[in-house]
Amino acid sequence: MNIDLLIDNLTSPALLFFLLGIIAVYIKSDLEIPPNSSKFISLYLLFSIGFNGGRELAHSEFSMEIIWVLLFGVVSSIIIPIYTFFILKRKLSTENAGAIAAAYGSISAVTFVTAVSFLELQQVPYSGHMVALMALMEAPAIVVGVVLIMLYGKKSTTSPKVGSLVGHSFANGSVLMILGSLVIGALASESQAQDITPFTTDIFKGFLALFLLDMGIVSGRKLGDFLRNGWFTTLFAIFIPVVNGIAVAWLSQFVTESVGDRFMLAILCASASYIAVPAAMKMAVPKANPGLYLPMALAVTFPFNITLGFPLYMSVILA
């Protein structure tokens, strides 16, 4: 791993605010971001990423490379939950294995947003269609996870319609916001987009720092309880993202030469959903324990990716 890249990442203000949030929990500070403010910041970040992605998409020429990248991402989101399900099923119930597999096959919009800041720090560009890919990779893993539970679980397992699951995934607030912003950004003229640039771009990093402070507080509160559940799930939450991230960082060279796009593909496949998947699993598989898959994604995989994962996957791409 490139040491300079690692140091740059570990000393970025956004990451240090995340660590501050964890420290605040362990020293029992009353520091917190009000829930309504936290939700607003989340929506703002998704809006900014989506809108700017739409602007990039409007300036891009549609090509076969874009089709291959989108196809690569969607196929990855189908393969990952299948192979992880059979690993998890050796130690966990079918319902929990399916829910965790769905989480790790799906993506984390927050990790994607943080990765944008990492690429900006390294002055590495990425394509606007990666935002669209992020939204497309959300639903397939959820459907695959539920199908696996239906195939290998008890007959009493709830069997929701696939169409309702897909619809629920795309109606999720985070997915709808980023997709809607992407379309609006693509449709806006240059002068119209310029009018709101101070809001869409100039204040992005400040809001990201506040958001990661909030994520640090939430992670710190969940980490202790989760670690008491045993080492298997903790190791899985670190090892599987590393395997997925490194594999995709290397394989992506066959679909695109863009360093930024390859990095984003690696991050999407290495991340785990803790927003859309828990919402979908609560409806589809109520027997699955959110006390497992939620802390795994939020308190273990997310911190690992934004501290060590980013420079690791970038080093593989640059090797």
Protein backbone atom coordinates (compact mmCIF):
# COMPACT_ATOMS: atom_id res chain seq x y z
CA MET A 1 0.00 0.00 0.00
CA ASN A 2 1.23 3.51 -0.84
CA ILE A 3 2.17 5.05 2.55
CA ASP A 4 1.75 8.66 1.36
CA LEU A 5 -1.73 7.81 0.09
CA LEU A 6 -2.58 6.22 3.45
CA ILE A 7 -1.30 9.22 5.43
CA ASP A 8 -3.21 11.67 3.22
CA ASN A 9 -6.39 9.70 3.81
CA LEU A 10 -5.92 9.31 7.57
CA THR A 11 -5.25 13.03 8.04
CA SER A 12 -8.19 14.29 5.98
CA PRO A 13 -10.54 16.52 8.04
CA ALA A 14 -13.61 14.45 7.09
CA LEU A 15 -12.09 11.23 8.48
CA LEU A 16 -10.77 12.98 11.60
CA PHE A 17 -14.30 14.23 12.33
CA PHE A 18 -15.50 10.62 12.05
CA LEU A 19 -12.89 9.58 14.64
CA LEU A 20 -13.94 12.52 16.83
CA GLY A 21 -17.48 11.12 16.86
CA ILE A 22 -16.22 7.72 18.07
CA ILE A 23 -14.07 9.40 20.76
CA ALA A 24 -17.09 11.45 21.89
CA VAL A 25 -19.01 8.23 22.58
CA TYR A 26 -16.22 6.61 24.55
CA ILE A 27 -15.62 9.64 26.78
CA LYS A 28 -19.41 9.86 27.28
CA SER A 29 -19.67 13.34 25.78
CA ASP A 30 -23.10 14.86 25.08
CA LEU A 31 -21.92 15.86 21.58
CA GLU A 32 -24.49 14.90 18.93
CA ILE A 33 -26.06 16.04 15.68
CA PRO A 34 -29.86 16.53 16.08
CA PRO A 35 -31.76 13.83 14.11
CA ASN A 36 -33.52 16.33 11.83
CA SER A 37 -30.23 18.06 11.04
CA SER A 38 -28.59 14.70 10.36
CA LYS A 39 -31.32 13.78 7.90
CA PHE A 40 -31.00 17.14 6.14
CA ILE A 41 -27.22 16.74 5.81
CA SER A 42 -27.70 13.23 4.35
CA LEU A 43 -30.18 14.53 1.78
CA TYR A 44 -27.91 17.43 0.91
CA LEU A 45 -24.91 15.15 0.25
CA LEU A 46 -26.97 12.84 -1.96
CA PHE A 47 -28.45 15.85 -3.76
CA SER A 48 -25.01 17.35 -4.40
CA ILE A 49 -23.48 14.09 -5.63
CA GLY A 50 -26.49 13.33 -7.83
CA PHE A 51 -26.72 16.81 -9.33
CA ASN A 52 -23.01 17.06 -10.10
CA GLY A 53 -23.08 13.52 -11.49
CA GLY A 54 -25.92 14.58 -13.77
CA ARG A 55 -23.90 17.54 -15.01
CA GLU A 56 -20.98 15.21 -15.80
CA LEU A 57 -23.34 12.78 -17.49
CA ALA A 58 -24.73 15.58 -19.68
CA HIS A 59 -21.21 16.31 -20.92
CA SER A 60 -20.36 12.65 -21.50
CA GLU A 61 -20.65 10.85 -24.79
CA PHE A 62 -22.63 7.61 -24.54
CA SER A 63 -20.35 4.70 -25.41
CA MET A 64 -19.96 0.94 -25.14
CA GLU A 65 -17.59 1.52 -22.23
CA ILE A 66 -20.44 3.01 -20.20
CA ILE A 67 -22.62 -0.02 -20.98
CA TRP A 68 -19.86 -2.43 -19.93
CA VAL A 69 -19.22 -0.52 -16.69
CA LEU A 70 -22.93 -0.53 -15.79
CA LEU A 71 -23.23 -4.22 -16.64
CA PHE A 72 -20.08 -5.04 -14.64
CA GLY A 73 -21.48 -3.27 -11.57
CA VAL A 74 -24.93 -4.88 -11.73
CA VAL A 75 -23.50 -8.38 -12.29
CA SER A 76 -21.17 -7.85 -9.31
CA SER A 77 -24.14 -6.93 -7.11
CA ILE A 78 -25.72 -10.28 -8.06
CA ILE A 79 -22.62 -12.47 -7.63
CA ILE A 80 -21.50 -11.05 -4.27
CA PRO A 81 -24.64 -11.95 -2.27
CA ILE A 82 -24.67 -15.46 -3.77
CA TYR A 83 -21.15 -16.46 -2.73
CA THR A 84 -21.28 -14.65 0.63
CA PHE A 85 -24.60 -16.33 1.50
CA PHE A 86 -23.01 -19.79 1.44
CA ILE A 87 -20.09 -18.60 3.59
CA LEU A 88 -22.45 -17.07 6.15
CA LYS A 89 -24.82 -20.04 6.15
CA ARG A 90 -22.12 -22.23 7.70
CA LYS A 91 -22.33 -20.23 10.95
CA LEU A 92 -25.64 -18.33 10.88
CA SER A 93 -29.32 -18.99 10.27
CA THR A 94 -30.61 -18.84 6.70
CA GLU A 95 -32.49 -15.59 7.40
CA ASN A 96 -29.47 -13.83 8.89
CA ALA A 97 -27.17 -15.19 6.16
CA GLY A 98 -29.50 -13.88 3.44
CA ALA A 99 -29.90 -10.46 5.04
CA ILE A 100 -26.15 -9.98 5.56
CA ALA A 101 -25.40 -11.24 2.04
CA ALA A 102 -27.90 -8.72 0.66
CA ALA A 103 -26.26 -5.92 2.64
CA TYR A 104 -22.80 -6.76 1.30
CA GLY A 105 -24.05 -7.23 -2.25
CA SER A 106 -25.82 -3.88 -2.15
CA ILE A 107 -24.02 -0.55 -1.76
CA SER A 108 -23.49 2.27 0.71
CA ALA A 109 -24.34 5.71 -0.62
CA VAL A 110 -22.47 7.27 2.31
CA THR A 111 -19.28 5.36 1.44
CA PHE A 112 -19.69 6.53 -2.16
CA VAL A 113 -20.06 10.14 -1.01
CA THR A 114 -16.92 9.85 1.15
CA ALA A 115 -15.06 8.25 -1.78
CA VAL A 116 -15.86 11.33 -3.88
CA SER A 117 -14.02 13.46 -1.31
CA PHE A 118 -11.08 11.01 -1.39
CA LEU A 119 -10.81 11.28 -5.18
CA GLU A 120 -10.97 15.08 -4.98
CA LEU A 121 -8.12 15.02 -2.47
CA GLN A 122 -6.09 12.93 -4.92
CA GLN A 123 -7.26 15.11 -7.85
CA VAL A 124 -8.58 12.04 -9.68
CA PRO A 125 -11.71 12.55 -11.83
CA TYR A 126 -14.57 10.04 -12.17
CA SER A 127 -17.48 9.77 -14.63
CA GLY A 128 -21.01 10.98 -14.01
CA HIS A 129 -22.53 7.61 -14.90
CA MET A 130 -21.02 6.13 -11.72
CA VAL A 131 -23.79 7.90 -9.80
CA ALA A 132 -26.39 6.11 -11.92
CA LEU A 133 -24.57 2.82 -11.35
CA MET A 134 -24.71 3.34 -7.59
CA ALA A 135 -28.50 3.53 -7.77
CA LEU A 136 -28.72 0.52 -10.10
CA MET A 137 -26.66 -1.67 -7.76
CA GLU A 138 -29.01 -1.13 -4.81
CA ALA A 139 -31.91 -3.42 -5.73
CA PRO A 140 -30.42 -6.61 -7.32
CA ALA A 141 -28.66 -7.75 -4.14
CA ILE A 142 -31.83 -7.30 -2.08
CA VAL A 143 -33.81 -9.47 -4.48
CA VAL A 144 -31.04 -12.12 -4.58
CA GLY A 145 -30.83 -12.20 -0.79
CA VAL A 146 -34.58 -12.77 -0.40
CA VAL A 147 -34.65 -15.41 -3.15
CA LEU A 148 -31.85 -17.33 -1.42
CA ILE A 149 -33.74 -17.21 1.87
CA MET A 150 -36.86 -18.50 0.12
CA LEU A 151 -34.89 -21.34 -1.52
CA TYR A 152 -32.92 -22.49 1.53
CA GLY A 153 -35.10 -21.37 4.43
CA LYS A 154 -38.10 -22.96 6.09
CA LYS A 155 -41.38 -23.00 4.25
CA SER A 156 -42.84 -20.57 6.75
CA THR A 157 -40.47 -17.85 5.54
CA THR A 158 -42.28 -14.81 4.20
CA SER A 159 -42.38 -14.78 0.39
CA PRO A 160 -42.88 -11.21 -0.80
CA LYS A 161 -43.28 -10.40 -4.47
CA VAL A 162 -40.06 -9.54 -6.27
CA GLY A 163 -41.73 -6.53 -7.89
CA SER A 164 -42.62 -5.02 -4.52
CA LEU A 165 -39.04 -5.44 -3.30
CA VAL A 166 -37.60 -3.72 -6.36
CA GLY A 167 -40.17 -0.94 -6.09
CA HIS A 168 -39.42 -0.53 -2.38
CA SER A 169 -35.69 -0.29 -3.12
CA PHE A 170 -36.09 2.45 -5.72
CA ALA A 171 -38.67 4.30 -3.60
CA ASN A 172 -36.16 4.44 -0.74
CA GLY A 173 -35.49 8.10 0.03
CA SER A 174 -31.72 7.97 -0.52
CA VAL A 175 -32.04 6.20 -3.88
CA LEU A 176 -34.84 8.49 -5.04
CA MET A 177 -32.94 11.62 -4.05
CA ILE A 178 -29.74 10.68 -5.85
CA LEU A 179 -31.53 9.40 -8.96
CA GLY A 180 -33.80 12.44 -9.10
CA SER A 181 -30.87 14.80 -8.62
CA LEU A 182 -28.97 12.97 -11.35
CA VAL A 183 -31.81 13.50 -13.84
CA ILE A 184 -32.29 17.15 -12.84
CA GLY A 185 -28.56 17.83 -13.13
CA ALA A 186 -28.49 16.25 -16.58
CA LEU A 187 -31.45 18.37 -17.74
CA ALA A 188 -30.26 21.71 -16.32
CA SER A 189 -28.51 24.13 -18.65
CA GLU A 190 -25.00 25.40 -17.90
CA SER A 191 -26.24 28.80 -16.67
CA GLN A 192 -28.93 27.19 -14.50
CA ALA A 193 -26.41 24.83 -12.92
CA GLN A 194 -24.00 27.72 -12.34
CA ASP A 195 -26.64 29.57 -10.33
CA ILE A 196 -26.60 26.96 -7.56
CA THR A 197 -22.92 26.01 -7.70
CA PRO A 198 -22.21 27.66 -4.29
CA PHE A 199 -24.73 25.24 -2.77
CA THR A 200 -23.97 22.12 -4.82
CA THR A 201 -20.18 22.33 -4.65
CA ASP A 202 -18.63 24.99 -2.41
CA ILE A 203 -20.04 23.80 0.92
CA PHE A 204 -19.93 20.05 0.18
CA LYS A 205 -16.81 19.20 2.19
CA GLY A 206 -18.03 21.07 5.26
CA PHE A 207 -21.31 19.17 5.29
CA LEU A 208 -19.44 15.90 4.68
CA ALA A 209 -17.30 16.54 7.77
CA LEU A 210 -20.40 17.13 9.91
CA PHE A 211 -22.07 14.04 8.50
CA LEU A 212 -19.06 11.85 9.27
CA LEU A 213 -18.99 13.27 12.79
CA ASP A 214 -22.57 12.00 13.14
CA MET A 215 -21.63 8.64 11.59
CA GLY A 216 -18.76 8.34 14.09
CA ILE A 217 -21.16 8.87 16.99
CA VAL A 218 -23.60 6.27 15.63
CA SER A 219 -20.80 3.76 14.94
CA GLY A 220 -19.30 4.24 18.39
CA ARG A 221 -22.66 3.47 20.02
CA LYS A 222 -23.13 0.24 18.05
CA LEU A 223 -19.60 -1.14 17.99
CA GLY A 224 -19.41 -2.38 21.60
CA ASP A 225 -22.62 -4.41 21.50
CA PHE A 226 -21.73 -5.88 18.14
CA LEU A 227 -18.27 -7.11 19.15
CA ARG A 228 -19.89 -9.12 21.94
CA ASN A 229 -21.67 -11.22 19.27
CA GLY A 230 -18.42 -13.03 18.36
CA TRP A 231 -15.48 -12.84 15.96
CA PHE A 232 -16.95 -14.56 12.90
CA THR A 233 -19.16 -11.64 11.87
CA THR A 234 -16.44 -9.10 12.71
CA LEU A 235 -13.87 -10.86 10.54
CA PHE A 236 -16.43 -11.28 7.77
CA ALA A 237 -17.20 -7.53 7.88
CA ILE A 238 -13.51 -6.78 7.22
CA PHE A 239 -12.33 -9.71 5.08
CA ILE A 240 -15.18 -9.78 2.53
CA PRO A 241 -14.95 -6.04 1.66
CA VAL A 242 -11.19 -6.48 1.17
CA VAL A 243 -11.73 -9.47 -1.15
CA ASN A 244 -14.47 -7.70 -3.11
CA GLY A 245 -12.62 -4.39 -3.30
CA ILE A 246 -9.28 -5.84 -4.42
CA ALA A 247 -10.89 -8.24 -6.91
CA VAL A 248 -12.97 -5.49 -8.53
CA ALA A 249 -10.08 -3.00 -8.44
CA TRP A 250 -8.10 -5.49 -10.56
CA LEU A 251 -10.90 -6.87 -12.78
CA SER A 252 -12.28 -3.42 -13.62
CA GLN A 253 -9.29 -2.76 -15.88
CA PHE A 254 -11.03 -4.95 -18.46
CA VAL A 255 -14.08 -2.66 -18.70
CA THR A 256 -12.59 0.81 -18.26
CA GLU A 257 -9.21 2.55 -18.18
CA SER A 258 -10.43 5.40 -15.94
CA VAL A 259 -8.68 5.27 -12.56
CA GLY A 260 -11.53 7.17 -10.90
CA ASP A 261 -14.21 4.86 -12.31
CA ARG A 262 -12.25 1.75 -11.35
CA PHE A 263 -11.88 3.11 -7.81
CA MET A 264 -15.61 3.84 -7.59
CA LEU A 265 -16.44 0.33 -8.83
CA ALA A 266 -14.16 -1.14 -6.17
CA ILE A 267 -15.73 1.01 -3.45
CA LEU A 268 -19.29 0.16 -4.49
CA CYS A 269 -18.49 -3.57 -4.38
CA ALA A 270 -16.54 -3.31 -1.11
CA SER A 271 -19.21 -1.30 0.72
CA ALA A 272 -22.28 -2.61 2.54
CA SER A 273 -25.75 -1.09 2.75
CA TYR A 274 -27.10 0.00 6.13
CA ILE A 275 -30.01 2.12 4.88
CA ALA A 276 -31.87 0.47 1.99
CA VAL A 277 -31.24 -3.18 2.94
CA PRO A 278 -32.36 -2.90 6.59
CA ALA A 279 -35.54 -1.15 5.41
CA ALA A 280 -36.21 -3.87 2.83
CA MET A 281 -35.32 -6.79 5.13
CA LYS A 282 -37.62 -5.49 7.84
CA MET A 283 -40.46 -5.89 5.35
CA ALA A 284 -39.32 -9.06 3.58
CA VAL A 285 -37.51 -11.10 6.25
CA PRO A 286 -38.63 -10.01 9.74
CA LYS A 287 -36.82 -13.01 11.29
CA ALA A 288 -33.41 -11.62 10.26
CA ASN A 289 -31.65 -9.91 13.17
CA PRO A 290 -30.84 -6.23 12.42
CA GLY A 291 -28.53 -6.34 15.44
CA LEU A 292 -26.16 -8.32 13.21
CA TYR A 293 -26.24 -6.87 9.70
CA LEU A 294 -26.67 -3.23 10.68
CA PRO A 295 -23.61 -2.93 12.98
CA MET A 296 -21.54 -5.09 10.62
CA ALA A 297 -22.07 -2.62 7.79
CA LEU A 298 -22.03 0.60 9.79
CA ALA A 299 -19.67 -0.01 12.71
CA VAL A 300 -17.08 -2.29 11.06
CA THR A 301 -17.09 -2.21 7.24
CA PHE A 302 -17.73 1.53 6.84
CA PRO A 303 -14.89 2.66 9.18
CA PHE A 304 -12.52 0.10 7.63
CA ASN A 305 -13.24 1.26 4.09
CA ILE A 306 -12.81 4.97 4.74
CA THR A 307 -9.59 4.53 6.73
CA LEU A 308 -7.63 1.63 5.18
CA GLY A 309 -9.83 0.45 2.31
CA PHE A 310 -9.64 3.58 0.14
CA PRO A 311 -5.83 3.71 -0.11
CA LEU A 312 -5.65 -0.10 -0.41
CA TYR A 313 -7.98 -0.29 -3.43
CA MET A 314 -6.34 2.73 -5.06
CA SER A 315 -2.91 1.12 -4.63
CA VAL A 316 -4.15 -2.01 -6.43
CA ILE A 317 -5.45 0.13 -9.31
CA LEU A 318 -2.22 2.13 -9.59
CA ALA A 319 0.05 -0.93 -9.30
